[in-house]
């Protein structure tokens, strides 16, 4: 059986931290920004962590273990 390839989309969207958590970026920062206030746009710049219920799924997409 051949090796499974890493999913390119997951590789671009997620990063792993040193503690093993998976970091993601927030959505909603690309367009239709005129109706969003400054505080909301600034908060969208900060990264977020993937929920614990989804970590196993995303790790299989990235690492293919």
N, C-alpha and C. Protein backbone atom coordinates (compact mmCIF):
# COMPACT_ATOMS: atom_id res chain seq x y z
N UNK A 1 0.84 -1.19 0.00
CA UNK A 1 0.00 0.00 0.00
C UNK A 1 0.89 1.25 0.00
N UNK A 2 0.61 2.23 -0.85
CA UNK A 2 1.47 3.43 -0.89
C UNK A 2 1.25 4.33 0.32
N UNK A 3 2.21 5.20 0.54
CA UNK A 3 2.10 6.16 1.63
C UNK A 3 0.97 7.14 1.36
N UNK A 4 0.34 7.63 2.43
CA UNK A 4 -0.68 8.67 2.28
C UNK A 4 0.01 10.02 2.20
N UNK A 5 -0.47 10.85 1.31
CA UNK A 5 0.11 12.19 1.19
C UNK A 5 -0.53 13.12 2.20
N UNK A 6 0.24 14.13 2.63
CA UNK A 6 -0.28 15.18 3.48
C UNK A 6 -1.24 16.03 2.67
N UNK A 7 -2.38 16.40 3.26
CA UNK A 7 -3.34 17.25 2.57
C UNK A 7 -2.78 18.67 2.49
N UNK A 8 -2.64 19.18 1.28
CA UNK A 8 -2.02 20.50 1.08
C UNK A 8 -2.82 21.61 1.73
N UNK A 9 -4.14 21.51 1.69
CA UNK A 9 -4.98 22.55 2.29
C UNK A 9 -4.76 22.61 3.80
N UNK A 10 -4.68 21.46 4.45
CA UNK A 10 -4.46 21.42 5.90
C UNK A 10 -3.06 21.92 6.25
N UNK A 11 -2.09 21.58 5.40
CA UNK A 11 -0.71 22.00 5.63
C UNK A 11 -0.60 23.53 5.64
N UNK A 12 -1.39 24.19 4.77
CA UNK A 12 -1.33 25.64 4.67
C UNK A 12 -2.11 26.33 5.78
N UNK A 13 -3.13 25.69 6.32
CA UNK A 13 -4.04 26.35 7.27
C UNK A 13 -3.70 26.15 8.73
N UNK A 14 -2.95 25.10 9.06
CA UNK A 14 -2.72 24.75 10.46
C UNK A 14 -1.24 24.66 10.77
N UNK A 15 -0.88 25.03 12.01
CA UNK A 15 0.49 24.89 12.51
C UNK A 15 0.43 24.20 13.87
N UNK A 16 1.48 23.44 14.18
CA UNK A 16 1.53 22.79 15.48
C UNK A 16 2.43 23.58 16.41
N UNK A 17 2.01 23.68 17.67
CA UNK A 17 2.82 24.38 18.67
C UNK A 17 3.76 23.37 19.33
N UNK A 18 4.65 23.87 20.17
CA UNK A 18 5.61 22.99 20.85
C UNK A 18 4.91 22.06 21.83
N UNK A 19 3.79 22.52 22.39
CA UNK A 19 3.06 21.68 23.36
C UNK A 19 2.16 20.66 22.67
N UNK A 20 2.03 20.73 21.34
CA UNK A 20 1.24 19.75 20.62
C UNK A 20 -0.14 20.24 20.21
N UNK A 21 -0.50 21.45 20.60
CA UNK A 21 -1.79 21.99 20.19
C UNK A 21 -1.70 22.43 18.73
N UNK A 22 -2.86 22.58 18.10
CA UNK A 22 -2.89 22.99 16.70
C UNK A 22 -3.45 24.39 16.62
N UNK A 23 -2.69 25.27 15.97
CA UNK A 23 -3.08 26.67 15.85
C UNK A 23 -3.70 26.93 14.50
N UNK A 24 -4.69 27.81 14.45
CA UNK A 24 -5.36 28.15 13.21
C UNK A 24 -5.55 29.66 13.16
N UNK A 25 -5.84 30.19 11.97
CA UNK A 25 -6.14 31.61 11.86
C UNK A 25 -7.65 31.80 11.86
N UNK A 26 -8.09 32.99 12.20
CA UNK A 26 -9.52 33.29 12.24
C UNK A 26 -10.02 33.63 10.83
N UNK A 27 -11.26 33.32 10.58
CA UNK A 27 -11.85 33.63 9.29
C UNK A 27 -12.52 34.99 9.34
N UNK A 28 -12.87 35.53 8.19
CA UNK A 28 -13.62 36.78 8.14
C UNK A 28 -12.76 38.02 8.05
N UNK A 29 -11.51 37.89 7.58
CA UNK A 29 -10.61 39.04 7.54
C UNK A 29 -10.25 39.43 6.10
N UNK A 30 -10.89 38.82 5.10
CA UNK A 30 -10.48 39.05 3.72
C UNK A 30 -11.29 40.10 2.97
N UNK A 31 -12.59 40.09 3.13
CA UNK A 31 -13.40 41.06 2.38
C UNK A 31 -14.63 41.43 3.21
N UNK A 32 -15.38 42.41 2.73
CA UNK A 32 -16.53 43.01 3.44
C UNK A 32 -16.06 43.53 4.80
N UNK A 33 -15.02 44.35 4.78
CA UNK A 33 -14.43 44.85 6.02
C UNK A 33 -15.01 46.20 6.43
N UNK A 34 -15.79 46.85 5.56
CA UNK A 34 -16.28 48.19 5.88
C UNK A 34 -17.30 48.17 7.00
N UNK A 35 -18.08 47.13 7.09
CA UNK A 35 -19.11 47.07 8.13
C UNK A 35 -18.60 46.53 9.47
N UNK A 36 -17.36 46.05 9.49
CA UNK A 36 -16.79 45.52 10.72
C UNK A 36 -15.99 46.63 11.41
N UNK A 37 -16.20 46.78 12.71
CA UNK A 37 -15.48 47.85 13.42
C UNK A 37 -14.03 47.44 13.68
N UNK A 38 -13.22 48.41 14.08
CA UNK A 38 -11.78 48.22 14.22
C UNK A 38 -11.45 47.15 15.25
N UNK A 39 -12.18 47.14 16.35
CA UNK A 39 -11.92 46.16 17.41
C UNK A 39 -12.13 44.73 16.90
N UNK A 40 -13.19 44.53 16.13
CA UNK A 40 -13.48 43.21 15.59
C UNK A 40 -12.41 42.77 14.61
N UNK A 41 -11.96 43.67 13.74
CA UNK A 41 -10.92 43.33 12.76
C UNK A 41 -9.59 43.03 13.45
N UNK A 42 -9.25 43.80 14.48
CA UNK A 42 -8.01 43.55 15.21
C UNK A 42 -8.05 42.21 15.92
N UNK A 43 -9.20 41.85 16.48
CA UNK A 43 -9.32 40.57 17.16
C UNK A 43 -9.25 39.40 16.18
N UNK A 44 -9.66 39.62 14.94
CA UNK A 44 -9.57 38.57 13.94
C UNK A 44 -8.13 38.31 13.50
N UNK A 45 -7.24 39.27 13.73
CA UNK A 45 -5.83 39.09 13.37
C UNK A 45 -5.16 38.03 14.24
N UNK A 46 -5.60 37.93 15.48
CA UNK A 46 -4.97 36.99 16.42
C UNK A 46 -5.33 35.56 16.03
N UNK A 47 -4.42 34.65 16.29
CA UNK A 47 -4.68 33.25 16.00
C UNK A 47 -5.57 32.62 17.06
N UNK A 48 -6.04 31.42 16.78
CA UNK A 48 -6.86 30.68 17.73
C UNK A 48 -6.41 29.23 17.69
N UNK A 49 -6.87 28.46 18.67
CA UNK A 49 -6.52 27.05 18.72
C UNK A 49 -7.69 26.21 18.25
N UNK A 50 -7.38 25.09 17.63
CA UNK A 50 -8.40 24.16 17.18
C UNK A 50 -9.01 23.49 18.40
N UNK A 51 -10.32 23.25 18.36
CA UNK A 51 -11.01 22.60 19.46
C UNK A 51 -10.48 21.19 19.66
N UNK A 52 -10.53 20.72 20.91
CA UNK A 52 -10.01 19.39 21.23
C UNK A 52 -10.73 18.29 20.48
N UNK A 53 -12.01 18.50 20.17
CA UNK A 53 -12.78 17.47 19.46
C UNK A 53 -12.32 17.32 18.02
N UNK A 54 -11.69 18.33 17.44
CA UNK A 54 -11.25 18.29 16.05
C UNK A 54 -9.76 18.01 15.89
N UNK A 55 -9.01 18.00 17.01
CA UNK A 55 -7.56 17.85 16.93
C UNK A 55 -7.15 16.54 16.25
N UNK A 56 -7.79 15.44 16.61
CA UNK A 56 -7.41 14.14 16.06
C UNK A 56 -7.60 14.12 14.54
N UNK A 57 -8.70 14.69 14.07
CA UNK A 57 -8.99 14.72 12.64
C UNK A 57 -7.94 15.50 11.88
N UNK A 58 -7.59 16.66 12.41
CA UNK A 58 -6.63 17.53 11.72
C UNK A 58 -5.23 16.94 11.76
N UNK A 59 -4.88 16.28 12.87
CA UNK A 59 -3.57 15.65 12.93
C UNK A 59 -3.44 14.54 11.89
N UNK A 60 -4.53 13.82 11.60
CA UNK A 60 -4.46 12.79 10.57
C UNK A 60 -4.28 13.42 9.19
N UNK A 61 -4.87 14.60 8.98
CA UNK A 61 -4.69 15.27 7.69
C UNK A 61 -3.27 15.78 7.51
N UNK A 62 -2.65 16.22 8.61
CA UNK A 62 -1.30 16.79 8.53
C UNK A 62 -0.24 15.69 8.56
N UNK A 63 -0.35 14.77 9.50
CA UNK A 63 0.72 13.80 9.73
C UNK A 63 0.50 12.44 9.08
N UNK A 64 -0.75 12.06 8.86
CA UNK A 64 -1.09 10.77 8.24
C UNK A 64 -0.49 9.59 9.02
N UNK A 65 -0.79 9.54 10.32
CA UNK A 65 -0.30 8.41 11.14
C UNK A 65 -1.34 7.32 11.18
